[in-house]
Amino acid sequence: MAVKIYHNPRCTKSRQTLQLLKDRGIEPEVIEYLKTPPSAAELADIMDKLGIEPRALMRKQEAEYKANGLENSALDKQSLINGMAANPILIERPIVLANGKAAIGRPPENVLGIL
């Protein structure tokens, strides 16, 4: 089974989710998304798999959220996705992809349902 994790090694939940996968014998492809951000198209695909809209995947407390005007309720879906692609710190983490599905590891056990 191919498993990917969009990971931030500085994030406790991300580290816990990665360890949870490894404890189950899964060696996922680790994508440090701050170094290698997903494209807008990849983000759209991830949101489709999660069944959520862009704001549900955004870290609204980050300074970049307001600095880039992303709190503007008039922005369309693509503008928000582009904002995350350009500022990956805004992407909620960790995200695990497996079996054509996606899950956010908050809490880490959330990812077990897609394995």
N, C-alpha and C. Protein backbone atom coordinates (compact mmCIF):
# COMPACT_ATOMS: atom_id res chain seq x y z
N MET A 1 0.85 -1.19 0.00
CA MET A 1 0.00 0.00 0.00
C MET A 1 0.89 1.24 0.00
N ALA A 2 0.66 2.11 -0.96
CA ALA A 2 1.40 3.37 -1.02
C ALA A 2 0.72 4.39 -0.10
N VAL A 3 1.51 4.95 0.80
CA VAL A 3 1.01 5.93 1.75
C VAL A 3 1.92 7.16 1.68
N LYS A 4 1.28 8.34 1.65
CA LYS A 4 2.02 9.61 1.68
C LYS A 4 1.60 10.38 2.91
N ILE A 5 2.54 11.11 3.47
CA ILE A 5 2.21 12.02 4.56
C ILE A 5 2.81 13.39 4.24
N TYR A 6 1.95 14.40 4.26
CA TYR A 6 2.40 15.78 4.15
C TYR A 6 2.74 16.17 5.58
N HIS A 7 4.03 16.34 5.82
CA HIS A 7 4.59 16.35 7.17
C HIS A 7 5.35 17.64 7.46
N ASN A 8 5.24 18.09 8.70
CA ASN A 8 6.06 19.18 9.21
C ASN A 8 6.76 18.63 10.45
N PRO A 9 8.07 18.39 10.37
CA PRO A 9 8.78 17.78 11.49
C PRO A 9 8.76 18.61 12.77
N ARG A 10 8.41 19.89 12.68
CA ARG A 10 8.35 20.73 13.88
C ARG A 10 7.00 20.62 14.60
N CYS A 11 6.04 19.94 13.98
CA CYS A 11 4.69 19.83 14.52
C CYS A 11 4.54 18.53 15.31
N THR A 12 4.09 18.63 16.54
CA THR A 12 3.91 17.46 17.39
C THR A 12 2.93 16.47 16.79
N LYS A 13 1.77 16.94 16.33
CA LYS A 13 0.76 16.04 15.76
C LYS A 13 1.29 15.35 14.51
N SER A 14 2.07 16.07 13.72
CA SER A 14 2.65 15.48 12.52
C SER A 14 3.65 14.37 12.89
N ARG A 15 4.49 14.64 13.87
CA ARG A 15 5.46 13.62 14.33
C ARG A 15 4.72 12.41 14.91
N GLN A 16 3.66 12.66 15.67
CA GLN A 16 2.89 11.55 16.27
C GLN A 16 2.22 10.71 15.19
N THR A 17 1.69 11.37 14.16
CA THR A 17 1.03 10.64 13.07
C THR A 17 2.03 9.80 12.30
N LEU A 18 3.20 10.36 12.01
CA LEU A 18 4.24 9.60 11.32
C LEU A 18 4.65 8.39 12.14
N GLN A 19 4.81 8.57 13.45
CA GLN A 19 5.18 7.45 14.31
C GLN A 19 4.08 6.39 14.36
N LEU A 20 2.84 6.82 14.39
CA LEU A 20 1.70 5.90 14.38
C LEU A 20 1.75 5.00 13.14
N LEU A 21 2.05 5.61 11.99
CA LEU A 21 2.16 4.83 10.75
C LEU A 21 3.32 3.83 10.85
N LYS A 22 4.46 4.31 11.30
CA LYS A 22 5.64 3.44 11.41
C LYS A 22 5.41 2.31 12.41
N ASP A 23 4.70 2.60 13.50
CA ASP A 23 4.39 1.56 14.50
C ASP A 23 3.52 0.46 13.90
N ARG A 24 2.83 0.76 12.82
CA ARG A 24 2.00 -0.24 12.13
C ARG A 24 2.71 -0.86 10.93
N GLY A 25 4.03 -0.63 10.87
CA GLY A 25 4.83 -1.23 9.81
C GLY A 25 4.72 -0.52 8.47
N ILE A 26 4.20 0.70 8.48
CA ILE A 26 4.04 1.47 7.24
C ILE A 26 5.18 2.48 7.14
N GLU A 27 5.90 2.43 6.05
CA GLU A 27 6.95 3.42 5.78
C GLU A 27 6.41 4.35 4.69
N PRO A 28 5.78 5.44 5.09
CA PRO A 28 5.15 6.32 4.09
C PRO A 28 6.18 7.15 3.34
N GLU A 29 5.75 7.64 2.18
CA GLU A 29 6.52 8.66 1.49
C GLU A 29 6.30 9.95 2.28
N VAL A 30 7.38 10.51 2.80
CA VAL A 30 7.28 11.71 3.63
C VAL A 30 7.55 12.93 2.76
N ILE A 31 6.57 13.81 2.71
CA ILE A 31 6.69 15.05 1.95
C ILE A 31 6.70 16.20 2.96
N GLU A 32 7.87 16.81 3.12
CA GLU A 32 7.95 17.98 3.99
C GLU A 32 7.37 19.15 3.19
N TYR A 33 6.09 19.39 3.40
CA TYR A 33 5.34 20.29 2.53
C TYR A 33 5.78 21.74 2.60
N LEU A 34 6.52 22.12 3.64
CA LEU A 34 7.04 23.49 3.67
C LEU A 34 8.23 23.63 2.72
N LYS A 35 8.94 22.54 2.49
CA LYS A 35 10.07 22.53 1.55
C LYS A 35 9.61 22.20 0.14
N THR A 36 8.63 21.30 0.02
CA THR A 36 8.10 20.86 -1.26
C THR A 36 6.59 20.99 -1.22
N PRO A 37 6.07 22.21 -1.41
CA PRO A 37 4.62 22.41 -1.28
C PRO A 37 3.83 21.73 -2.39
N PRO A 38 2.63 21.28 -2.05
CA PRO A 38 1.76 20.73 -3.09
C PRO A 38 1.30 21.85 -4.01
N SER A 39 1.04 21.50 -5.26
CA SER A 39 0.52 22.47 -6.22
C SER A 39 -0.95 22.76 -5.90
N ALA A 40 -1.47 23.78 -6.55
CA ALA A 40 -2.90 24.09 -6.38
C ALA A 40 -3.75 22.90 -6.81
N ALA A 41 -3.36 22.22 -7.89
CA ALA A 41 -4.13 21.05 -8.36
C ALA A 41 -4.06 19.91 -7.34
N GLU A 42 -2.89 19.70 -6.74
CA GLU A 42 -2.76 18.66 -5.72
C GLU A 42 -3.61 19.00 -4.49
N LEU A 43 -3.61 20.26 -4.10
CA LEU A 43 -4.45 20.68 -2.96
C LEU A 43 -5.92 20.47 -3.26
N ALA A 44 -6.35 20.79 -4.47
CA ALA A 44 -7.76 20.59 -4.85
C ALA A 44 -8.10 19.11 -4.77
N ASP A 45 -7.21 18.24 -5.23
CA ASP A 45 -7.43 16.79 -5.16
C ASP A 45 -7.51 16.32 -3.71
N ILE A 46 -6.62 16.82 -2.87
CA ILE A 46 -6.62 16.45 -1.45
C ILE A 46 -7.95 16.86 -0.82
N MET A 47 -8.41 18.08 -1.11
CA MET A 47 -9.68 18.55 -0.52
C MET A 47 -10.85 17.73 -1.02
N ASP A 48 -10.82 17.33 -2.27
CA ASP A 48 -11.88 16.44 -2.78
C ASP A 48 -11.89 15.13 -2.01
N LYS A 49 -10.71 14.56 -1.78
CA LYS A 49 -10.62 13.30 -1.03
C LYS A 49 -11.06 13.47 0.42
N LEU A 50 -10.78 14.64 0.99
CA LEU A 50 -11.20 14.91 2.37
C LEU A 50 -12.68 15.29 2.45
N GLY A 51 -13.23 15.75 1.31
CA GLY A 51 -14.62 16.20 1.31
C GLY A 51 -14.81 17.51 2.03
N ILE A 52 -13.81 18.41 1.92
CA ILE A 52 -13.89 19.70 2.61
C ILE A 52 -13.62 20.84 1.65
N GLU A 53 -13.97 22.03 2.09
CA GLU A 53 -13.71 23.26 1.35
C GLU A 53 -12.37 23.84 1.82
N PRO A 54 -11.79 24.75 1.04
CA PRO A 54 -10.46 25.27 1.35
C PRO A 54 -10.29 25.82 2.77
N ARG A 55 -11.23 26.59 3.25
CA ARG A 55 -11.04 27.19 4.59
C ARG A 55 -10.92 26.13 5.68
N ALA A 56 -11.49 24.96 5.47
CA ALA A 56 -11.40 23.88 6.45
C ALA A 56 -10.00 23.27 6.50
N LEU A 57 -9.19 23.54 5.48
CA LEU A 57 -7.83 23.03 5.43
C LEU A 57 -6.81 24.11 5.78
N MET A 58 -7.29 25.31 6.08
CA MET A 58 -6.39 26.44 6.33
C MET A 58 -6.17 26.68 7.81
N ARG A 59 -4.92 27.03 8.11
CA ARG A 59 -4.54 27.44 9.46
C ARG A 59 -4.74 28.95 9.55
N LYS A 60 -5.91 29.34 10.01
CA LYS A 60 -6.31 30.74 9.98
C LYS A 60 -5.58 31.61 11.00
N GLN A 61 -4.93 30.99 11.98
CA GLN A 61 -4.21 31.76 13.00
C GLN A 61 -2.82 32.19 12.54
N GLU A 62 -2.35 31.67 11.40
CA GLU A 62 -1.03 32.05 10.88
C GLU A 62 -1.08 33.49 10.36
N ALA A 63 0.01 34.23 10.56
CA ALA A 63 0.08 35.62 10.12
C ALA A 63 -0.17 35.76 8.62
N GLU A 64 0.25 34.78 7.84
CA GLU A 64 0.11 34.83 6.38
C GLU A 64 -1.36 34.84 5.94
N TYR A 65 -2.24 34.33 6.79
CA TYR A 65 -3.65 34.30 6.46
C TYR A 65 -4.18 35.72 6.27
N LYS A 66 -3.96 36.56 7.26
CA LYS A 66 -4.43 37.95 7.17
C LYS A 66 -3.55 38.77 6.25
N ALA A 67 -2.25 38.52 6.29
CA ALA A 67 -1.31 39.30 5.47
C ALA A 67 -1.62 39.17 3.98
N ASN A 68 -2.19 38.06 3.58
CA ASN A 68 -2.53 37.84 2.17
C ASN A 68 -4.01 38.07 1.88
N GLY A 69 -4.73 38.62 2.84
CA GLY A 69 -6.14 38.96 2.63
C GLY A 69 -7.05 37.75 2.48
N LEU A 70 -6.62 36.59 3.01
CA LEU A 70 -7.39 35.36 2.81
C LEU A 70 -8.63 35.27 3.70
N GLU A 71 -8.75 36.20 4.66
CA GLU A 71 -9.96 36.21 5.49
C GLU A 71 -11.15 36.81 4.76
N ASN A 72 -10.91 37.40 3.59
CA ASN A 72 -11.95 38.03 2.79
C ASN A 72 -12.98 36.97 2.36
N SER A 73 -14.20 37.11 2.82
CA SER A 73 -15.25 36.12 2.55
C SER A 73 -15.68 36.10 1.07
N ALA A 74 -15.29 37.12 0.31
CA ALA A 74 -15.65 37.18 -1.11
C ALA A 74 -14.72 36.34 -1.98
N LEU A 75 -13.62 35.85 -1.43
CA LEU A 75 -12.68 35.06 -2.24
C LEU A 75 -13.30 33.74 -2.65
N ASP A 76 -13.05 33.34 -3.89
CA ASP A 76 -13.58 32.07 -4.37
C ASP A 76 -12.64 30.91 -3.98
N LYS A 77 -13.12 29.73 -4.23
CA LYS A 77 -12.39 28.51 -3.86
C LYS A 77 -10.99 28.49 -4.45
N GLN A 78 -10.87 28.81 -5.74
CA GLN A 78 -9.55 28.76 -6.40
C GLN A 78 -8.58 29.77 -5.80
N SER A 79 -9.07 30.95 -5.42
CA SER A 79 -8.20 31.96 -4.80
C SER A 79 -7.65 31.46 -3.48
N LEU A 80 -8.49 30.78 -2.71
CA LEU A 80 -8.05 30.23 -1.42
C LEU A 80 -7.04 29.10 -1.63
N ILE A 81 -7.29 28.25 -2.59
CA ILE A 81 -6.36 27.16 -2.90
C ILE A 81 -5.02 27.74 -3.34
N ASN A 82 -5.06 28.74 -4.21
CA ASN A 82 -3.83 29.39 -4.67
C ASN A 82 -3.08 30.02 -3.50
N GLY A 83 -3.82 30.57 -2.54
CA GLY A 83 -3.20 31.16 -1.36
C GLY A 83 -2.45 30.13 -0.54
N MET A 84 -3.03 28.93 -0.40
CA MET A 84 -2.34 27.86 0.33
C MET A 84 -1.13 27.36 -0.45
N ALA A 85 -1.26 27.24 -1.76
CA ALA A 85 -0.14 26.77 -2.58
C ALA A 85 1.04 27.74 -2.48
N ALA A 86 0.73 29.04 -2.45
CA ALA A 86 1.78 30.06 -2.37
C ALA A 86 2.33 30.21 -0.95
N ASN A 87 1.54 29.83 0.06
CA ASN A 87 1.92 29.97 1.47
C ASN A 87 1.63 28.66 2.19
N PRO A 88 2.45 27.63 1.98
CA PRO A 88 2.14 26.30 2.52
C PRO A 88 2.05 26.24 4.04
N ILE A 89 2.56 27.25 4.74
CA ILE A 89 2.42 27.27 6.20
C ILE A 89 0.95 27.29 6.59
N LEU A 90 0.08 27.71 5.65
CA LEU A 90 -1.36 27.80 5.92
C LEU A 90 -2.08 26.46 5.84
N ILE A 91 -1.40 25.42 5.34
CA ILE A 91 -2.04 24.12 5.16
C ILE A 91 -2.06 23.36 6.49
N GLU A 92 -3.23 22.92 6.88
CA GLU A 92 -3.36 22.10 8.10
C GLU A 92 -2.53 20.84 7.93
N ARG A 93 -1.99 20.35 9.00
CA ARG A 93 -1.12 19.18 8.95
C ARG A 93 -1.37 18.27 10.12
N PRO A 94 -0.94 17.06 10.00
CA PRO A 94 -0.44 16.37 8.82
C PRO A 94 -1.60 15.84 7.99
N ILE A 95 -1.35 15.63 6.71
CA ILE A 95 -2.34 15.03 5.82
C ILE A 95 -1.75 13.70 5.35
N VAL A 96 -2.54 12.64 5.46
CA VAL A 96 -2.10 11.32 5.01
C VAL A 96 -2.99 10.90 3.85
N LEU A 97 -2.36 10.38 2.79
CA LEU A 97 -3.06 9.86 1.63
C LEU A 97 -2.78 8.36 1.53
N ALA A 98 -3.85 7.58 1.39
CA ALA A 98 -3.72 6.13 1.24
C ALA A 98 -5.01 5.58 0.65
N ASN A 99 -4.88 4.58 -0.20
CA ASN A 99 -6.05 3.89 -0.77
C ASN A 99 -7.03 4.84 -1.45
N GLY A 100 -6.52 5.87 -2.11
CA GLY A 100 -7.39 6.82 -2.80
C GLY A 100 -8.18 7.72 -1.87
N LYS A 101 -7.78 7.76 -0.60
CA LYS A 101 -8.48 8.57 0.41
C LYS A 101 -7.47 9.49 1.09
N ALA A 102 -7.98 10.41 1.89
CA ALA A 102 -7.13 11.33 2.64
C ALA A 102 -7.71 11.52 4.03
N ALA A 103 -6.82 11.83 4.98
CA ALA A 103 -7.24 12.13 6.35
C ALA A 103 -6.26 13.12 6.95
N ILE A 104 -6.78 13.98 7.81
CA ILE A 104 -5.94 14.91 8.56
C ILE A 104 -5.67 14.26 9.91
N GLY A 105 -4.42 14.21 10.28
CA GLY A 105 -4.01 13.55 11.53
C GLY A 105 -4.18 14.41 12.77
N ARG A 106 -5.36 14.90 12.99
CA ARG A 106 -5.68 15.68 14.19
C ARG A 106 -6.99 15.15 14.75
N PRO A 107 -6.96 14.23 15.66
CA PRO A 107 -5.80 13.58 16.28
C PRO A 107 -5.18 12.56 15.33
N PRO A 108 -3.97 12.11 15.63
CA PRO A 108 -3.27 11.17 14.76
C PRO A 108 -4.09 9.93 14.39
N GLU A 109 -4.91 9.45 15.29
CA GLU A 109 -5.71 8.25 15.04
C GLU A 109 -6.71 8.42 13.90
N ASN A 110 -6.99 9.65 13.50
CA ASN A 110 -7.90 9.89 12.37
C ASN A 110 -7.45 9.18 11.12
N VAL A 111 -6.14 8.99 10.95
CA VAL A 111 -5.63 8.40 9.72
C VAL A 111 -5.87 6.90 9.65
N LEU A 112 -6.17 6.26 10.74
CA LEU A 112 -6.34 4.80 10.75
C LEU A 112 -7.51 4.36 9.87
N GLY A 113 -8.51 5.20 9.73
CA GLY A 113 -9.68 4.86 8.95
C GLY A 113 -9.44 4.74 7.45
N ILE A 114 -8.32 5.25 6.96
CA ILE A 114 -8.06 5.17 5.52
C ILE A 114 -7.02 4.12 5.17
N LEU A 115 -6.45 3.48 6.18
CA LEU A 115 -5.39 2.49 5.93
C LEU A 115 -5.95 1.13 5.55
